[in-house]
N, C-alpha and C. Protein backbone atom coordinates (compact mmCIF):
# COMPACT_ATOMS: atom_id res chain seq x y z
N MET A 1 101.72 -187.79 -126.38
CA MET A 1 103.08 -187.70 -125.90
C MET A 1 103.05 -187.08 -124.51
N LEU A 2 103.75 -187.69 -123.59
CA LEU A 2 103.78 -187.21 -122.21
C LEU A 2 104.98 -186.29 -122.04
N LEU A 3 104.69 -185.08 -121.55
CA LEU A 3 105.75 -184.11 -121.35
C LEU A 3 106.04 -184.01 -119.86
N LEU A 4 107.26 -184.29 -119.47
CA LEU A 4 107.64 -184.19 -118.07
C LEU A 4 108.26 -182.82 -117.82
N VAL A 5 107.73 -182.13 -116.86
CA VAL A 5 108.26 -180.82 -116.49
C VAL A 5 108.91 -180.93 -115.12
N SER A 6 110.16 -180.60 -115.05
CA SER A 6 110.83 -180.68 -113.75
C SER A 6 110.47 -179.44 -112.93
N PRO A 7 110.20 -179.62 -111.64
CA PRO A 7 109.85 -178.47 -110.80
C PRO A 7 111.04 -177.53 -110.69
N ALA A 8 110.74 -176.28 -110.45
CA ALA A 8 111.80 -175.28 -110.29
C ALA A 8 112.67 -175.67 -109.09
N VAL A 9 113.94 -175.57 -109.29
CA VAL A 9 114.88 -175.91 -108.22
C VAL A 9 114.94 -174.73 -107.25
N ALA A 10 114.73 -175.04 -105.99
CA ALA A 10 114.77 -173.98 -104.97
C ALA A 10 116.19 -173.45 -104.86
N LYS A 11 116.30 -172.18 -104.59
CA LYS A 11 117.61 -171.56 -104.45
C LYS A 11 118.04 -171.65 -102.99
N GLN A 12 118.81 -172.65 -102.69
CA GLN A 12 119.25 -172.89 -101.33
C GLN A 12 120.48 -172.04 -101.00
N VAL A 13 120.44 -171.42 -99.85
CA VAL A 13 121.55 -170.62 -99.37
C VAL A 13 122.02 -171.22 -98.05
N THR A 14 123.32 -171.29 -97.87
CA THR A 14 123.88 -171.78 -96.61
C THR A 14 124.67 -170.65 -95.96
N LEU A 15 124.38 -170.39 -94.70
CA LEU A 15 125.09 -169.38 -93.93
C LEU A 15 125.68 -170.01 -92.67
N ARG A 16 126.85 -169.54 -92.29
CA ARG A 16 127.46 -169.92 -91.02
C ARG A 16 127.39 -168.69 -90.12
N LEU A 17 126.57 -168.77 -89.07
CA LEU A 17 126.29 -167.61 -88.24
C LEU A 17 126.74 -167.84 -86.81
N PRO A 18 127.54 -166.91 -86.26
CA PRO A 18 127.93 -167.03 -84.86
C PRO A 18 126.71 -166.82 -83.96
N LEU A 19 126.60 -167.63 -82.92
CA LEU A 19 125.44 -167.52 -82.03
C LEU A 19 125.67 -166.53 -80.89
N GLN A 20 126.91 -166.20 -80.61
CA GLN A 20 127.22 -165.23 -79.56
C GLN A 20 128.18 -164.19 -80.14
N PRO A 21 128.20 -163.01 -79.53
CA PRO A 21 129.16 -161.99 -79.99
C PRO A 21 130.57 -162.37 -79.57
N GLY A 22 131.54 -161.67 -80.11
CA GLY A 22 132.94 -161.92 -79.74
C GLY A 22 133.43 -163.22 -80.35
N GLU A 23 134.08 -164.03 -79.53
CA GLU A 23 134.58 -165.34 -79.95
C GLU A 23 133.53 -166.40 -79.62
N PRO A 24 132.61 -166.67 -80.53
CA PRO A 24 131.51 -167.59 -80.21
C PRO A 24 131.99 -169.03 -80.03
N GLU A 25 131.36 -169.72 -79.10
CA GLU A 25 131.67 -171.13 -78.89
C GLU A 25 130.92 -172.02 -79.86
N GLU A 26 129.83 -171.48 -80.43
CA GLU A 26 129.02 -172.26 -81.34
C GLU A 26 128.63 -171.44 -82.56
N ILE A 27 128.55 -172.14 -83.68
CA ILE A 27 128.15 -171.54 -84.96
C ILE A 27 126.90 -172.28 -85.42
N ALA A 28 125.92 -171.53 -85.89
CA ALA A 28 124.74 -172.15 -86.50
C ALA A 28 124.96 -172.20 -88.00
N VAL A 29 124.88 -173.40 -88.55
CA VAL A 29 124.92 -173.56 -90.00
C VAL A 29 123.47 -173.69 -90.44
N VAL A 30 123.00 -172.69 -91.20
CA VAL A 30 121.60 -172.68 -91.60
C VAL A 30 121.48 -172.74 -93.12
N ILE A 31 120.50 -173.50 -93.56
CA ILE A 31 120.22 -173.65 -94.99
C ILE A 31 118.77 -173.25 -95.19
N PHE A 32 118.53 -172.38 -96.17
CA PHE A 32 117.18 -171.89 -96.42
C PHE A 32 117.06 -171.47 -97.88
N ASP A 33 115.83 -171.27 -98.31
CA ASP A 33 115.54 -170.81 -99.66
C ASP A 33 115.35 -169.30 -99.59
N ASP A 34 116.27 -168.55 -100.21
CA ASP A 34 116.19 -167.09 -100.08
C ASP A 34 115.10 -166.45 -100.93
N GLU A 35 114.33 -167.27 -101.63
CA GLU A 35 113.14 -166.73 -102.31
C GLU A 35 111.96 -166.70 -101.34
N HIS A 36 112.07 -167.43 -100.23
CA HIS A 36 110.99 -167.47 -99.25
C HIS A 36 111.31 -166.65 -98.00
N VAL A 37 112.57 -166.63 -97.60
CA VAL A 37 112.98 -165.83 -96.44
C VAL A 37 114.29 -165.13 -96.78
N SER A 38 114.48 -163.95 -96.24
CA SER A 38 115.69 -163.20 -96.56
C SER A 38 116.83 -163.58 -95.62
N ALA A 39 118.04 -163.43 -96.10
CA ALA A 39 119.22 -163.70 -95.28
C ALA A 39 119.24 -162.78 -94.06
N ALA A 40 118.81 -161.53 -94.23
CA ALA A 40 118.79 -160.58 -93.11
C ALA A 40 117.87 -161.07 -92.00
N ASP A 41 116.68 -161.59 -92.39
CA ASP A 41 115.76 -162.11 -91.38
C ASP A 41 116.34 -163.34 -90.69
N VAL A 42 116.91 -164.24 -91.46
CA VAL A 42 117.49 -165.46 -90.88
C VAL A 42 118.58 -165.09 -89.88
N LYS A 43 119.43 -164.13 -90.23
CA LYS A 43 120.51 -163.71 -89.32
C LYS A 43 119.94 -163.15 -88.01
N ARG A 44 118.84 -162.45 -88.09
CA ARG A 44 118.21 -161.88 -86.89
C ARG A 44 117.49 -162.95 -86.08
N TRP A 45 116.78 -163.83 -86.77
CA TRP A 45 116.01 -164.86 -86.09
C TRP A 45 116.90 -165.87 -85.38
N ILE A 46 118.04 -166.20 -85.98
CA ILE A 46 118.88 -167.27 -85.43
C ILE A 46 119.43 -166.91 -84.05
N LEU A 47 119.46 -165.62 -83.73
CA LEU A 47 119.91 -165.20 -82.39
C LEU A 47 118.95 -165.63 -81.30
N LEU A 48 117.75 -166.07 -81.70
CA LEU A 48 116.76 -166.57 -80.75
C LEU A 48 116.97 -168.05 -80.43
N ASP A 49 117.92 -168.68 -81.07
CA ASP A 49 118.23 -170.08 -80.82
C ASP A 49 118.55 -170.28 -79.33
N GLU A 50 118.31 -171.48 -78.87
CA GLU A 50 118.57 -171.82 -77.46
C GLU A 50 119.99 -171.49 -77.02
N HIS A 51 120.93 -171.54 -77.94
CA HIS A 51 122.33 -171.26 -77.62
C HIS A 51 122.77 -169.88 -78.10
N GLY A 52 121.80 -169.09 -78.54
CA GLY A 52 122.10 -167.80 -79.15
C GLY A 52 122.36 -166.68 -78.15
N GLU A 53 122.65 -165.53 -78.72
CA GLU A 53 123.01 -164.34 -77.95
C GLU A 53 121.98 -163.97 -76.89
N TYR A 54 120.69 -164.14 -77.19
CA TYR A 54 119.65 -163.73 -76.26
C TYR A 54 119.50 -164.70 -75.09
N SER A 55 120.17 -165.83 -75.15
CA SER A 55 120.10 -166.81 -74.05
C SER A 55 121.19 -166.60 -73.01
N THR A 56 121.97 -165.53 -73.17
CA THR A 56 123.04 -165.24 -72.20
C THR A 56 122.82 -163.85 -71.61
N PRO A 57 123.19 -163.67 -70.34
CA PRO A 57 122.95 -162.36 -69.71
C PRO A 57 123.88 -161.29 -70.24
N ILE A 58 123.37 -160.06 -70.26
CA ILE A 58 124.17 -158.91 -70.66
C ILE A 58 124.96 -158.39 -69.45
N ALA A 59 124.23 -158.11 -68.36
CA ALA A 59 124.86 -157.54 -67.17
C ALA A 59 125.69 -158.61 -66.46
N LEU A 60 126.90 -158.26 -66.12
CA LEU A 60 127.81 -159.20 -65.48
C LEU A 60 127.82 -159.00 -63.98
N VAL A 61 128.30 -160.01 -63.27
CA VAL A 61 128.46 -159.92 -61.83
C VAL A 61 129.85 -159.38 -61.54
N TYR A 62 129.93 -158.42 -60.66
CA TYR A 62 131.22 -157.86 -60.24
C TYR A 62 131.53 -158.36 -58.85
N ALA A 63 132.23 -159.49 -58.78
CA ALA A 63 132.43 -160.21 -57.52
C ALA A 63 133.26 -159.45 -56.50
N ASP A 64 134.13 -158.54 -56.94
CA ASP A 64 134.95 -157.83 -55.95
C ASP A 64 134.28 -156.56 -55.45
N CYS A 65 133.13 -156.21 -56.02
CA CYS A 65 132.29 -155.11 -55.51
C CYS A 65 133.01 -153.78 -55.37
N ARG A 66 133.83 -153.43 -56.31
CA ARG A 66 134.44 -152.10 -56.27
C ARG A 66 133.43 -151.07 -56.75
N THR A 67 133.28 -149.99 -56.00
CA THR A 67 132.33 -148.96 -56.42
C THR A 67 132.76 -148.35 -57.75
N SER A 68 134.03 -148.46 -58.09
CA SER A 68 134.51 -147.94 -59.37
C SER A 68 133.95 -148.74 -60.55
N ASP A 69 133.39 -149.94 -60.28
CA ASP A 69 132.78 -150.75 -61.34
C ASP A 69 131.34 -150.31 -61.66
N ALA A 70 130.77 -149.44 -60.81
CA ALA A 70 129.37 -149.04 -61.00
C ALA A 70 129.09 -148.45 -62.39
N PRO A 71 129.92 -147.54 -62.92
CA PRO A 71 129.61 -147.00 -64.27
C PRO A 71 129.58 -148.08 -65.35
N LYS A 72 130.48 -149.05 -65.25
CA LYS A 72 130.49 -150.13 -66.25
C LYS A 72 129.21 -150.98 -66.14
N LEU A 73 128.81 -151.29 -64.91
CA LEU A 73 127.58 -152.06 -64.70
C LEU A 73 126.37 -151.26 -65.16
N GLU A 74 126.37 -149.95 -64.94
CA GLU A 74 125.27 -149.11 -65.42
C GLU A 74 125.15 -149.17 -66.95
N GLN A 75 126.29 -149.16 -67.65
CA GLN A 75 126.26 -149.27 -69.11
C GLN A 75 125.70 -150.62 -69.55
N GLU A 76 126.08 -151.67 -68.85
CA GLU A 76 125.57 -153.00 -69.19
C GLU A 76 124.06 -153.08 -68.95
N ILE A 77 123.60 -152.41 -67.90
CA ILE A 77 122.17 -152.41 -67.61
C ILE A 77 121.41 -151.66 -68.69
N VAL A 78 121.97 -150.58 -69.21
CA VAL A 78 121.33 -149.86 -70.33
C VAL A 78 121.22 -150.80 -71.53
N ARG A 79 122.29 -151.53 -71.83
CA ARG A 79 122.25 -152.49 -72.95
C ARG A 79 121.24 -153.59 -72.69
N ALA A 80 121.16 -154.05 -71.44
CA ALA A 80 120.20 -155.10 -71.10
C ALA A 80 118.77 -154.61 -71.29
N ARG A 81 118.50 -153.35 -70.94
CA ARG A 81 117.15 -152.78 -71.16
C ARG A 81 116.83 -152.73 -72.66
N GLN A 82 117.82 -152.38 -73.47
CA GLN A 82 117.61 -152.34 -74.92
C GLN A 82 117.31 -153.75 -75.44
N THR A 83 118.01 -154.74 -74.91
CA THR A 83 117.79 -156.13 -75.32
C THR A 83 116.37 -156.56 -74.99
N VAL A 84 115.91 -156.24 -73.78
CA VAL A 84 114.54 -156.59 -73.39
C VAL A 84 113.54 -155.91 -74.33
N ALA A 85 113.79 -154.65 -74.68
CA ALA A 85 112.89 -153.93 -75.60
C ALA A 85 112.88 -154.57 -76.99
N GLU A 86 114.05 -155.06 -77.45
CA GLU A 86 114.14 -155.71 -78.76
C GLU A 86 113.34 -157.01 -78.79
N LEU A 87 113.26 -157.67 -77.64
CA LEU A 87 112.58 -158.96 -77.57
C LEU A 87 111.07 -158.76 -77.41
N ASP A 88 110.48 -158.15 -78.42
CA ASP A 88 109.05 -157.89 -78.48
C ASP A 88 108.48 -158.83 -79.53
N PRO A 89 107.50 -159.66 -79.17
CA PRO A 89 106.93 -160.59 -80.15
C PRO A 89 106.41 -159.91 -81.42
N ASN A 90 106.03 -158.63 -81.32
CA ASN A 90 105.55 -157.91 -82.50
C ASN A 90 106.64 -157.68 -83.54
N ASN A 91 107.90 -157.85 -83.14
CA ASN A 91 109.03 -157.66 -84.06
C ASN A 91 109.43 -158.94 -84.79
N TYR A 92 108.69 -160.02 -84.55
CA TYR A 92 109.04 -161.33 -85.11
C TYR A 92 107.81 -162.02 -85.68
N PRO A 93 108.02 -163.05 -86.50
CA PRO A 93 106.87 -163.82 -86.99
C PRO A 93 106.08 -164.42 -85.82
N PRO A 94 104.76 -164.56 -85.98
CA PRO A 94 103.93 -165.06 -84.88
C PRO A 94 104.35 -166.45 -84.37
N GLU A 95 104.95 -167.25 -85.26
CA GLU A 95 105.39 -168.59 -84.85
C GLU A 95 106.50 -168.53 -83.80
N LEU A 96 107.14 -167.37 -83.66
CA LEU A 96 108.23 -167.21 -82.69
C LEU A 96 107.77 -166.60 -81.36
N SER A 97 106.49 -166.33 -81.21
CA SER A 97 106.00 -165.63 -80.02
C SER A 97 106.42 -166.29 -78.71
N ALA A 98 106.25 -167.61 -78.60
CA ALA A 98 106.59 -168.30 -77.35
C ALA A 98 108.09 -168.21 -77.07
N VAL A 99 108.89 -168.33 -78.11
CA VAL A 99 110.36 -168.26 -77.95
C VAL A 99 110.76 -166.85 -77.52
N VAL A 100 110.21 -165.84 -78.20
CA VAL A 100 110.56 -164.45 -77.88
C VAL A 100 110.14 -164.11 -76.46
N MET A 101 108.94 -164.51 -76.05
CA MET A 101 108.48 -164.20 -74.69
C MET A 101 109.33 -164.91 -73.64
N TYR A 102 109.73 -166.14 -73.92
CA TYR A 102 110.60 -166.85 -72.97
C TYR A 102 111.92 -166.09 -72.81
N LEU A 103 112.53 -165.70 -73.92
CA LEU A 103 113.81 -164.99 -73.85
C LEU A 103 113.65 -163.60 -73.24
N ASN A 104 112.52 -162.94 -73.51
CA ASN A 104 112.25 -161.64 -72.90
C ASN A 104 112.16 -161.80 -71.38
N ASN A 105 111.45 -162.82 -70.92
CA ASN A 105 111.33 -163.05 -69.48
C ASN A 105 112.69 -163.36 -68.85
N LEU A 106 113.50 -164.15 -69.55
CA LEU A 106 114.83 -164.50 -69.04
C LEU A 106 115.72 -163.26 -68.96
N GLN A 107 115.74 -162.46 -70.04
CA GLN A 107 116.55 -161.24 -70.04
C GLN A 107 116.04 -160.23 -69.00
N SER A 108 114.73 -160.17 -68.81
CA SER A 108 114.16 -159.27 -67.80
C SER A 108 114.60 -159.68 -66.41
N LEU A 109 114.66 -160.98 -66.15
CA LEU A 109 115.14 -161.47 -64.86
C LEU A 109 116.59 -161.07 -64.65
N TRP A 110 117.43 -161.31 -65.64
CA TRP A 110 118.85 -160.96 -65.52
C TRP A 110 119.04 -159.46 -65.35
N LEU A 111 118.20 -158.67 -66.05
CA LEU A 111 118.26 -157.21 -65.91
C LEU A 111 117.94 -156.82 -64.47
N TRP A 112 116.87 -157.37 -63.92
CA TRP A 112 116.48 -157.07 -62.54
C TRP A 112 117.60 -157.44 -61.57
N MET A 113 118.20 -158.59 -61.78
CA MET A 113 119.28 -159.03 -60.89
C MET A 113 120.47 -158.05 -60.99
N GLY A 114 120.80 -157.62 -62.19
CA GLY A 114 121.86 -156.64 -62.37
C GLY A 114 121.54 -155.33 -61.66
N GLU A 115 120.27 -154.91 -61.74
CA GLU A 115 119.86 -153.68 -61.05
C GLU A 115 119.98 -153.82 -59.54
N GLN A 116 119.63 -155.01 -59.03
CA GLN A 116 119.75 -155.25 -57.58
C GLN A 116 121.22 -155.20 -57.15
N GLU A 117 122.08 -155.80 -57.95
CA GLU A 117 123.51 -155.84 -57.61
C GLU A 117 124.14 -154.45 -57.75
N LEU A 118 123.66 -153.66 -58.72
CA LEU A 118 124.14 -152.29 -58.85
C LEU A 118 123.74 -151.46 -57.63
N GLU A 119 122.51 -151.62 -57.19
CA GLU A 119 122.04 -150.89 -56.01
C GLU A 119 122.89 -151.24 -54.79
N PHE A 120 123.21 -152.52 -54.64
CA PHE A 120 124.08 -152.92 -53.53
C PHE A 120 125.46 -152.27 -53.67
N LEU A 121 125.99 -152.30 -54.89
CA LEU A 121 127.31 -151.74 -55.14
C LEU A 121 127.37 -150.25 -54.77
N LYS A 122 126.29 -149.54 -55.08
CA LYS A 122 126.27 -148.10 -54.84
C LYS A 122 125.91 -147.72 -53.40
N THR A 123 124.99 -148.48 -52.78
CA THR A 123 124.45 -148.05 -51.48
C THR A 123 124.66 -149.06 -50.34
N GLY A 124 124.98 -150.31 -50.69
CA GLY A 124 125.09 -151.34 -49.66
C GLY A 124 123.76 -151.97 -49.30
N LYS A 125 122.67 -151.53 -49.95
CA LYS A 125 121.33 -152.07 -49.68
C LYS A 125 121.21 -153.50 -50.23
N GLY A 126 120.61 -154.36 -49.44
CA GLY A 126 120.40 -155.75 -49.87
C GLY A 126 119.36 -155.86 -50.98
N PRO A 127 119.41 -156.93 -51.76
CA PRO A 127 118.45 -157.14 -52.86
C PRO A 127 117.03 -157.31 -52.35
N ASP A 128 116.07 -157.00 -53.23
CA ASP A 128 114.65 -157.19 -52.90
C ASP A 128 114.35 -158.66 -52.72
N ASN A 129 113.26 -158.93 -51.98
CA ASN A 129 112.87 -160.31 -51.69
C ASN A 129 111.68 -160.78 -52.52
N GLU A 130 111.39 -160.06 -53.60
CA GLU A 130 110.27 -160.43 -54.45
C GLU A 130 110.56 -159.98 -55.87
N TYR A 131 110.21 -160.86 -56.82
CA TYR A 131 110.35 -160.50 -58.24
C TYR A 131 109.12 -161.00 -58.98
N GLU A 132 108.44 -160.09 -59.66
CA GLU A 132 107.28 -160.44 -60.49
C GLU A 132 106.28 -161.33 -59.74
N GLY A 133 106.03 -161.01 -58.47
CA GLY A 133 105.06 -161.77 -57.68
C GLY A 133 105.61 -163.03 -57.05
N THR A 134 106.88 -163.35 -57.27
CA THR A 134 107.48 -164.54 -56.67
C THR A 134 108.30 -164.13 -55.46
N GLU A 135 107.99 -164.74 -54.32
CA GLU A 135 108.73 -164.45 -53.09
C GLU A 135 110.10 -165.10 -53.13
N LEU A 136 111.10 -164.35 -52.72
CA LEU A 136 112.47 -164.86 -52.66
C LEU A 136 112.98 -164.81 -51.22
N GLU A 137 112.06 -165.06 -50.27
CA GLU A 137 112.39 -164.96 -48.85
C GLU A 137 113.60 -165.82 -48.47
N ARG A 138 113.67 -167.02 -49.03
CA ARG A 138 114.78 -167.89 -48.62
C ARG A 138 116.13 -167.41 -49.15
N CYS A 139 116.11 -166.42 -50.04
CA CYS A 139 117.34 -165.84 -50.54
C CYS A 139 117.72 -164.56 -49.78
N GLN A 140 116.88 -164.17 -48.85
CA GLN A 140 117.03 -162.87 -48.16
C GLN A 140 118.39 -162.72 -47.51
N LEU A 141 118.95 -161.52 -47.65
CA LEU A 141 120.24 -161.19 -47.05
C LEU A 141 120.11 -159.90 -46.24
N HIS A 142 121.01 -159.75 -45.32
CA HIS A 142 121.12 -158.50 -44.56
C HIS A 142 122.57 -158.04 -44.64
N PRO A 143 122.99 -157.54 -45.82
CA PRO A 143 124.39 -157.20 -46.00
C PRO A 143 124.87 -156.09 -45.07
N GLU A 144 123.94 -155.28 -44.56
CA GLU A 144 124.35 -154.18 -43.69
C GLU A 144 124.92 -154.69 -42.36
N THR A 145 124.65 -155.96 -42.05
CA THR A 145 125.17 -156.53 -40.79
C THR A 145 126.53 -157.21 -40.98
N LEU A 146 127.03 -157.22 -42.21
CA LEU A 146 128.27 -157.92 -42.52
C LEU A 146 129.36 -156.94 -42.93
N ASP A 147 130.61 -157.41 -42.87
CA ASP A 147 131.67 -156.56 -43.42
C ASP A 147 131.53 -156.57 -44.94
N ARG A 148 132.10 -155.59 -45.58
CA ARG A 148 131.90 -155.36 -47.03
C ARG A 148 132.27 -156.59 -47.86
N GLU A 149 133.38 -157.24 -47.53
CA GLU A 149 133.83 -158.39 -48.32
C GLU A 149 132.83 -159.54 -48.23
N GLN A 150 132.36 -159.84 -47.02
CA GLN A 150 131.40 -160.93 -46.85
C GLN A 150 130.06 -160.57 -47.50
N ALA A 151 129.63 -159.32 -47.32
CA ALA A 151 128.37 -158.88 -47.93
C ALA A 151 128.44 -158.98 -49.45
N CYS A 152 129.58 -158.59 -50.00
CA CYS A 152 129.79 -158.66 -51.45
C CYS A 152 129.67 -160.11 -51.93
N HIS A 153 130.32 -161.02 -51.24
CA HIS A 153 130.25 -162.44 -51.59
C HIS A 153 128.80 -162.94 -51.52
N ASP A 154 128.12 -162.56 -50.45
CA ASP A 154 126.74 -163.04 -50.27
C ASP A 154 125.80 -162.52 -51.36
N VAL A 155 125.96 -161.27 -51.78
CA VAL A 155 125.10 -160.72 -52.83
C VAL A 155 125.48 -161.31 -54.19
N SER A 156 126.78 -161.33 -54.49
CA SER A 156 127.26 -161.76 -55.81
C SER A 156 127.10 -163.25 -56.07
N TYR A 157 127.17 -164.04 -55.02
CA TYR A 157 127.10 -165.50 -55.21
C TYR A 157 125.88 -166.11 -54.56
N THR A 158 125.78 -165.97 -53.23
CA THR A 158 124.70 -166.65 -52.51
C THR A 158 123.32 -166.18 -52.98
N TRP A 159 123.08 -164.86 -52.89
CA TRP A 159 121.77 -164.34 -53.31
C TRP A 159 121.56 -164.56 -54.81
N HIS A 160 122.56 -164.23 -55.60
CA HIS A 160 122.45 -164.35 -57.06
C HIS A 160 122.04 -165.77 -57.46
N ASN A 161 122.75 -166.78 -56.95
CA ASN A 161 122.46 -168.17 -57.33
C ASN A 161 121.12 -168.64 -56.79
N CYS A 162 120.77 -168.23 -55.57
CA CYS A 162 119.48 -168.61 -54.98
C CYS A 162 118.33 -168.04 -55.81
N ALA A 163 118.37 -166.73 -56.09
CA ALA A 163 117.31 -166.09 -56.87
C ALA A 163 117.23 -166.68 -58.27
N LEU A 164 118.37 -166.94 -58.88
CA LEU A 164 118.41 -167.49 -60.23
C LEU A 164 117.77 -168.88 -60.26
N ARG A 165 118.10 -169.73 -59.30
CA ARG A 165 117.51 -171.09 -59.26
C ARG A 165 115.99 -171.02 -59.15
N ILE A 166 115.49 -170.21 -58.22
CA ILE A 166 114.04 -170.12 -58.01
C ILE A 166 113.35 -169.60 -59.27
N MET A 167 113.87 -168.52 -59.85
CA MET A 167 113.19 -167.90 -60.98
C MET A 167 113.33 -168.72 -62.26
N GLU A 168 114.48 -169.35 -62.48
CA GLU A 168 114.62 -170.18 -63.68
C GLU A 168 113.71 -171.40 -63.61
N ALA A 169 113.50 -171.93 -62.39
CA ALA A 169 112.56 -173.04 -62.24
C ALA A 169 111.14 -172.58 -62.59
N LYS A 170 110.81 -171.36 -62.20
CA LYS A 170 109.48 -170.82 -62.51
C LYS A 170 109.33 -170.54 -64.00
N LEU A 171 110.37 -170.02 -64.63
CA LEU A 171 110.31 -169.71 -66.07
C LEU A 171 110.23 -170.97 -66.92
N GLY A 172 110.81 -172.06 -66.43
CA GLY A 172 110.83 -173.29 -67.20
C GLY A 172 111.97 -173.30 -68.21
N SER A 173 111.93 -174.26 -69.10
CA SER A 173 113.03 -174.41 -70.05
C SER A 173 112.68 -173.76 -71.39
N TYR A 174 113.71 -173.58 -72.17
CA TYR A 174 113.59 -172.98 -73.51
C TYR A 174 112.56 -173.78 -74.33
N PRO A 175 111.66 -173.10 -75.05
CA PRO A 175 110.61 -173.79 -75.83
C PRO A 175 111.14 -174.40 -77.13
N LYS A 176 111.81 -175.53 -77.01
CA LYS A 176 112.46 -176.18 -78.16
C LYS A 176 111.46 -176.58 -79.25
N GLU A 177 110.30 -177.07 -78.83
CA GLU A 177 109.32 -177.55 -79.83
C GLU A 177 108.83 -176.38 -80.69
N GLN A 178 108.59 -175.23 -80.07
CA GLN A 178 108.14 -174.07 -80.83
C GLN A 178 109.23 -173.58 -81.78
N TRP A 179 110.50 -173.64 -81.32
CA TRP A 179 111.61 -173.24 -82.18
C TRP A 179 111.70 -174.17 -83.40
N LYS A 180 111.59 -175.47 -83.14
CA LYS A 180 111.66 -176.44 -84.24
C LYS A 180 110.49 -176.26 -85.20
N ALA A 181 109.30 -176.03 -84.66
CA ALA A 181 108.12 -175.82 -85.52
C ALA A 181 108.30 -174.57 -86.38
N PHE A 182 108.89 -173.52 -85.80
CA PHE A 182 109.16 -172.30 -86.55
C PHE A 182 110.11 -172.58 -87.71
N LEU A 183 111.23 -173.27 -87.42
CA LEU A 183 112.19 -173.59 -88.48
C LEU A 183 111.53 -174.39 -89.60
N ASP A 184 110.70 -175.37 -89.22
CA ASP A 184 110.01 -176.20 -90.22
C ASP A 184 109.06 -175.35 -91.07
N THR A 185 108.32 -174.47 -90.42
CA THR A 185 107.35 -173.63 -91.13
C THR A 185 108.04 -172.76 -92.18
N TYR A 186 109.22 -172.25 -91.86
CA TYR A 186 109.93 -171.34 -92.77
C TYR A 186 110.98 -172.07 -93.63
N GLY A 187 111.01 -173.39 -93.55
CA GLY A 187 111.92 -174.16 -94.39
C GLY A 187 113.38 -173.91 -94.08
N ILE A 188 113.69 -173.70 -92.81
CA ILE A 188 115.07 -173.44 -92.41
C ILE A 188 115.63 -174.68 -91.74
N GLN A 189 116.78 -175.12 -92.24
CA GLN A 189 117.49 -176.23 -91.60
C GLN A 189 118.62 -175.64 -90.77
N GLU A 190 118.80 -176.16 -89.57
CA GLU A 190 119.82 -175.62 -88.68
C GLU A 190 120.66 -176.75 -88.10
N ARG A 191 121.96 -176.52 -88.08
CA ARG A 191 122.89 -177.46 -87.45
C ARG A 191 123.85 -176.61 -86.61
N ILE A 192 124.09 -177.03 -85.38
CA ILE A 192 125.00 -176.28 -84.50
C ILE A 192 126.37 -176.95 -84.51
N GLU A 193 127.40 -176.15 -84.73
CA GLU A 193 128.77 -176.66 -84.70
C GLU A 193 129.56 -175.94 -83.61
N SER A 194 130.39 -176.68 -82.92
CA SER A 194 131.25 -176.10 -81.89
C SER A 194 132.51 -175.52 -82.52
N THR A 195 132.96 -174.40 -82.00
CA THR A 195 134.20 -173.80 -82.49
C THR A 195 135.36 -174.18 -81.60
N ILE A 196 135.08 -174.96 -80.54
CA ILE A 196 136.12 -175.36 -79.60
C ILE A 196 136.71 -176.68 -80.06
N ASP A 197 138.03 -176.72 -80.16
CA ASP A 197 138.70 -177.96 -80.57
C ASP A 197 138.55 -179.01 -79.48
N ASP A 198 138.26 -180.22 -79.90
CA ASP A 198 138.14 -181.33 -78.92
C ASP A 198 139.49 -181.76 -78.44
């Protein structure tokens, strides 16, 4: 007599997780087996998604350059430093190393840019012309030769966008293949939904 034994049914859990703080534009719908990975880990890991919280800058640009904005920017820079510290590959599964390092490099760049803009806000000094061994000569500014409004515009927009273009080209794009391989390895299915009405 042949006895058929049905395999144990995996315990699938579905979570809807916001990818950004506040009013998120996108929600990750994730399905996983909670006998293999915990919901707490999935909630933490999903923030590494290409559209997640770690893919957006913490420190904001203060386009009107009021010195009264310096304390607020300083607080954002403290948070940005904490974010960079959190993005340590040792805090994540090894399959996420490339993703974590990419996001760490991106957040480090944004942190440096925020620090440069804070220095300008406080002292009027122009941003540095080099970051992590990359020359930013073509982005160079001399804000001390300009009136405050023009210098503010040049630092907040012209220099900011120039430095960002050069450095993002050097960093490359988000490692999608490694992210997908990680999800497959841990049996996590992910679907991104928009919260914005069409």
